[in-house]
Amino acid sequence: MSEWLVLTIAILATCAVVLVAAVLRQRRVGDEDDPSETPDVIEYMTMMIGVVYAIVLGLAIAGVWEARGAADDWVRQEAQALHEVDELAGVFPAESRDAIRASLTAYVGHTVDVEWPHMVENGELTERGDALLTDLRQAVLAPEPVTVREMQAFQGMVDQVAAADEARVARGQSAQPTMPLVVWAGLIAGGAVAVGMVFALQIQRSGREMVLAGLFSALIAFLLFLIWYFDNPFAHGLGDSTETFTTFFPQVGAAE
């Protein structure tokens, strides 16, 4: 099911529940209910709850957005480091160069074709990816540098493989949702309380009040959806997040 279809259904369902509850409440209390009799303390409590909940929502959105940006950066750093290894390998003789690039292509191909779908679905990396990265490191360490240029390239490749390894570990950590269940429970409960306070203000069935209640509920549903959408950046927050790898290694993209 499309994420936007989920959003539409959630907003419509939330608005429908709020509006139906408002209508049923008004029918139950009848015309004798006077909204002007609402105690001032309830109005103050409603404002305080709204302000606190807005702050919490803002912090949650900022948190998942920051995590999304960090995940994007780790992917870019990993792909960039592997690309540098590919370029530096050209300094060595054909046998060593081809061995390094073969290991590099095998690792990138596995990352894009196998590990990425597994990571999105299970929130973890694959053991095969670990083994291929180890093979790449061994291929990088295999040649014996002779010239000064080869020595510089050798040290550069070693550093870039270490950087790719660090970025890969961080990518695996970013594949897991950043929002704990207890935070989700608080956000949902807070949204229910914030909407429920609308009824504490004795909302009537006038057109303006119905529209405002529906828009308020739709806004909360949309913000919660936004947090959920960016909570798992590799699943639906980064679009085609393997594009960074296929840009640096077009032969992998073409093989797909």
Protein backbone atom coordinates (compact mmCIF):
# COMPACT_ATOMS: atom_id res chain seq x y z
CA MET A 1 0.00 0.00 0.00
CA SER A 2 1.33 3.44 -0.95
CA GLU A 3 2.52 5.67 1.90
CA TRP A 4 0.42 8.55 0.59
CA LEU A 5 -2.65 6.34 0.51
CA VAL A 6 -1.95 5.48 4.16
CA LEU A 7 -1.72 9.20 4.93
CA THR A 8 -4.99 9.95 3.17
CA ILE A 9 -6.81 7.15 4.96
CA ALA A 10 -5.37 8.18 8.33
CA ILE A 11 -6.38 11.82 7.90
CA LEU A 12 -9.89 10.98 6.69
CA ALA A 13 -10.39 8.44 9.47
CA THR A 14 -9.17 10.87 12.14
CA CYS A 15 -11.40 13.68 10.89
CA ALA A 16 -14.38 11.35 10.65
CA VAL A 17 -13.93 10.10 14.22
CA VAL A 18 -13.61 13.65 15.59
CA LEU A 19 -16.61 14.99 13.68
CA VAL A 20 -18.82 12.00 14.54
CA ALA A 21 -17.83 12.31 18.19
CA ALA A 22 -18.70 16.01 18.14
CA VAL A 23 -22.11 15.35 16.60
CA LEU A 24 -22.92 12.54 19.04
CA ARG A 25 -21.85 14.66 21.99
CA GLN A 26 -24.02 17.57 20.89
CA ARG A 27 -27.02 15.26 20.46
CA ARG A 28 -26.46 13.83 23.91
CA VAL A 29 -26.20 17.14 25.77
CA GLY A 30 -28.89 18.87 23.69
CA ASP A 31 -29.45 22.61 23.37
CA GLU A 32 -29.23 23.26 27.09
CA ASP A 33 -25.41 23.08 27.05
CA ASP A 34 -23.84 26.55 27.28
CA PRO A 35 -20.26 26.82 26.00
CA SER A 36 -19.78 30.08 27.90
CA GLU A 37 -19.89 28.10 31.14
CA THR A 38 -16.57 26.38 30.35
CA PRO A 39 -14.22 27.12 33.29
CA ASP A 40 -11.21 29.29 32.48
CA VAL A 41 -8.87 26.69 33.95
CA ILE A 42 -9.87 24.23 31.20
CA GLU A 43 -9.02 26.77 28.54
CA TYR A 44 -5.61 27.36 30.15
CA MET A 45 -4.99 23.62 30.39
CA THR A 46 -5.94 23.18 26.74
CA MET A 47 -3.49 25.87 25.68
CA MET A 48 -0.72 24.39 27.81
CA ILE A 49 -1.31 20.88 26.46
CA GLY A 50 -1.30 22.22 22.91
CA VAL A 51 1.97 24.12 23.43
CA VAL A 52 3.73 21.19 25.10
CA TYR A 53 2.54 18.74 22.45
CA ALA A 54 3.63 21.09 19.67
CA ILE A 55 7.12 21.26 21.20
CA VAL A 56 7.30 17.47 21.48
CA LEU A 57 6.16 17.05 17.87
CA GLY A 58 8.73 19.58 16.72
CA LEU A 59 11.54 17.79 18.55
CA ALA A 60 10.44 14.43 17.13
CA ILE A 61 10.34 15.77 13.57
CA ALA A 62 13.75 17.42 14.00
CA GLY A 63 15.17 14.17 15.38
CA VAL A 64 14.03 11.95 12.52
CA TRP A 65 15.02 14.57 9.95
CA GLU A 66 18.52 14.76 11.44
CA ALA A 67 18.76 10.96 11.42
CA ARG A 68 17.68 10.94 7.78
CA GLY A 69 20.41 13.43 6.88
CA ALA A 70 23.01 11.43 8.80
CA ALA A 71 22.00 8.23 6.99
CA ASP A 72 22.32 9.98 3.64
CA ASP A 73 25.79 11.26 4.60
CA TRP A 74 27.01 7.80 5.63
CA VAL A 75 25.87 6.31 2.32
CA ARG A 76 27.64 9.07 0.41
CA GLN A 77 30.83 8.65 2.44
CA GLU A 78 30.88 4.89 1.88
CA ALA A 79 30.38 5.22 -1.86
CA GLN A 80 32.94 8.01 -2.10
CA ALA A 81 35.56 5.99 -0.19
CA LEU A 82 35.03 2.98 -2.46
CA HIS A 83 35.32 5.21 -5.51
CA GLU A 84 38.65 6.53 -4.23
CA VAL A 85 39.89 2.96 -3.85
CA ASP A 86 38.90 2.32 -7.45
CA GLU A 87 40.82 5.36 -8.65
CA LEU A 88 43.93 4.68 -6.55
CA ALA A 89 44.07 1.07 -7.72
CA GLY A 90 44.99 2.33 -11.18
CA VAL A 91 48.51 3.11 -9.94
CA PHE A 92 49.39 -0.57 -9.47
CA PRO A 93 50.26 -3.17 -12.12
CA ALA A 94 47.45 -4.81 -14.04
CA GLU A 95 47.30 -7.97 -11.94
CA SER A 96 46.96 -6.17 -8.61
CA ARG A 97 44.71 -3.48 -10.08
CA ASP A 98 42.29 -6.01 -11.59
CA ALA A 99 42.16 -8.03 -8.35
CA ILE A 100 41.29 -4.92 -6.32
CA ARG A 101 38.66 -3.75 -8.77
CA ALA A 102 37.11 -7.22 -9.02
CA SER A 103 36.72 -7.36 -5.22
CA LEU A 104 35.38 -3.81 -5.27
CA THR A 105 32.78 -4.58 -7.95
CA ALA A 106 31.70 -7.73 -6.10
CA TYR A 107 31.18 -5.78 -2.87
CA VAL A 108 29.29 -2.90 -4.49
CA GLY A 109 27.14 -5.28 -6.54
CA HIS A 110 26.21 -7.26 -3.44
CA THR A 111 25.47 -4.05 -1.53
CA VAL A 112 23.11 -2.71 -4.18
CA ASP A 113 21.40 -5.94 -5.29
CA VAL A 114 21.27 -8.07 -2.14
CA GLU A 115 22.22 -6.24 1.03
CA TRP A 116 20.13 -3.14 0.45
CA PRO A 117 16.74 -4.93 0.18
CA HIS A 118 17.73 -7.10 3.16
CA MET A 119 18.69 -4.02 5.16
CA VAL A 120 15.43 -2.25 4.38
CA GLU A 121 13.34 -5.27 5.35
CA ASN A 122 15.27 -6.52 8.39
CA GLY A 123 17.18 -3.45 9.59
CA GLU A 124 20.57 -5.19 9.51
CA LEU A 125 23.52 -5.89 7.24
CA THR A 126 24.41 -9.25 5.71
CA GLU A 127 27.25 -11.56 6.67
CA ARG A 128 28.10 -11.92 2.98
CA GLY A 129 28.68 -8.17 2.84
CA ASP A 130 31.10 -8.44 5.77
CA ALA A 131 32.98 -11.23 3.97
CA LEU A 132 33.19 -9.27 0.71
CA LEU A 133 34.52 -6.22 2.52
CA THR A 134 37.16 -8.42 4.15
CA ASP A 135 38.09 -9.75 0.70
CA LEU A 136 38.42 -6.18 -0.54
CA ARG A 137 40.69 -5.27 2.36
CA GLN A 138 42.89 -8.30 1.68
CA ALA A 139 43.07 -7.43 -2.01
CA VAL A 140 44.14 -3.89 -1.10
CA LEU A 141 46.84 -5.16 1.27
CA ALA A 142 48.15 -7.79 -1.17
CA PRO A 143 50.31 -5.71 -3.54
CA GLU A 144 53.82 -4.72 -2.51
CA PRO A 145 54.36 -1.04 -3.34
CA VAL A 146 57.65 -0.32 -5.06
CA THR A 147 57.62 3.28 -6.24
CA VAL A 148 56.84 6.34 -4.14
CA ARG A 149 53.61 6.78 -6.07
CA GLU A 150 52.53 3.22 -5.29
CA MET A 151 53.36 3.72 -1.61
CA GLN A 152 51.19 6.82 -1.46
CA ALA A 153 48.35 5.07 -3.29
CA PHE A 154 48.70 2.02 -1.04
CA GLN A 155 48.31 4.09 2.14
CA GLY A 156 45.43 6.00 0.58
CA MET A 157 43.57 2.79 -0.29
CA VAL A 158 44.07 1.43 3.23
CA ASP A 159 42.63 4.62 4.71
CA GLN A 160 39.68 4.64 2.30
CA VAL A 161 38.80 1.01 3.02
CA ALA A 162 38.79 1.84 6.74
CA ALA A 163 36.53 4.84 6.03
CA ALA A 164 34.19 2.64 3.98
CA ASP A 165 34.06 0.10 6.79
CA GLU A 166 33.15 2.81 9.31
CA ALA A 167 30.47 4.22 7.01
CA ARG A 168 29.06 0.74 6.39
CA VAL A 169 28.69 0.07 10.12
CA ALA A 170 26.96 3.44 10.55
CA ARG A 171 24.69 2.65 7.60
CA GLY A 172 23.62 -0.55 9.30
CA GLN A 173 22.84 1.34 12.49
CA SER A 174 20.84 3.94 10.55
CA ALA A 175 18.71 1.20 8.99
CA GLN A 176 16.88 0.73 12.30
CA PRO A 177 14.03 3.05 13.36
CA THR A 178 15.21 5.94 15.51
CA MET A 179 12.00 6.46 17.50
CA PRO A 180 11.54 4.08 20.46
CA LEU A 181 8.11 2.54 21.06
CA VAL A 182 7.69 4.50 24.29
CA VAL A 183 8.09 7.75 22.33
CA TRP A 184 5.51 6.60 19.80
CA ALA A 185 3.14 5.75 22.65
CA GLY A 186 3.64 9.26 24.05
CA LEU A 187 3.07 10.93 20.68
CA ILE A 188 -0.13 9.01 19.99
CA ALA A 189 -1.45 9.48 23.52
CA GLY A 190 -0.57 13.17 23.40
CA GLY A 191 -2.41 13.57 20.12
CA ALA A 192 -5.47 11.85 21.56
CA VAL A 193 -5.39 14.14 24.61
CA ALA A 194 -4.91 17.26 22.47
CA VAL A 195 -7.90 16.34 20.28
CA GLY A 196 -9.91 15.31 23.33
CA MET A 197 -9.45 18.73 24.88
CA VAL A 198 -11.43 20.14 21.97
CA PHE A 199 -14.49 18.48 23.48
CA ALA A 200 -13.61 19.83 26.91
CA LEU A 201 -14.18 23.27 25.40
CA GLN A 202 -17.74 22.17 24.56
CA ILE A 203 -17.44 22.36 20.78
CA GLN A 204 -20.74 22.96 19.02
CA ARG A 205 -21.99 21.80 15.62
CA SER A 206 -21.51 25.10 13.79
CA GLY A 207 -19.74 24.96 10.46
CA ARG A 208 -16.71 26.92 11.62
CA GLU A 209 -16.15 24.76 14.68
CA MET A 210 -16.51 21.55 12.70
CA VAL A 211 -14.00 22.74 10.10
CA LEU A 212 -11.52 23.82 12.77
CA ALA A 213 -11.84 20.54 14.65
CA GLY A 214 -11.33 18.57 11.44
CA LEU A 215 -8.31 20.62 10.36
CA PHE A 216 -6.74 20.35 13.81
CA SER A 217 -7.13 16.58 13.78
CA ALA A 218 -5.85 16.33 10.19
CA LEU A 219 -2.77 18.38 11.11
CA ILE A 220 -1.88 16.07 14.00
CA ALA A 221 -2.40 12.99 11.80
CA PHE A 222 -0.17 14.48 9.09
CA LEU A 223 2.63 15.35 11.53
CA LEU A 224 2.57 11.84 13.02
CA PHE A 225 2.71 10.40 9.50
CA LEU A 226 5.66 12.66 8.72
CA ILE A 227 7.56 11.33 11.73
CA TRP A 228 6.80 7.74 10.72
CA TYR A 229 7.80 8.43 7.11
CA PHE A 230 11.27 9.71 8.00
CA ASP A 231 11.81 7.31 10.92
CA ASN A 232 13.14 4.64 8.53
CA PRO A 233 15.15 6.64 5.96
CA PHE A 234 16.27 3.73 3.78
CA ALA A 235 12.74 2.34 3.43
CA HIS A 236 10.90 5.46 2.31
CA GLY A 237 12.85 8.55 3.35
CA LEU A 238 15.62 8.76 0.77
CA GLY A 239 13.94 7.73 -2.46
CA ASP A 240 16.35 5.63 -4.55
CA SER A 241 19.05 5.57 -1.88
CA THR A 242 21.33 3.24 -3.90
CA GLU A 243 21.75 5.93 -6.55
CA THR A 244 24.95 7.14 -4.87
CA PHE A 245 26.58 3.74 -5.44
CA THR A 246 25.34 3.37 -9.00
CA THR A 247 26.56 6.88 -9.82
CA PHE A 248 30.14 6.04 -8.82
CA PHE A 249 29.90 2.50 -10.22
CA PRO A 250 27.71 2.64 -13.33
CA GLN A 251 28.65 -0.92 -14.28
CA VAL A 252 26.70 -2.12 -11.24
CA GLY A 253 23.64 -0.06 -12.20
CA ALA A 254 23.86 -1.35 -15.75
CA ALA A 255 24.02 -4.94 -14.51
CA GLU A 256 20.67 -4.50 -12.78
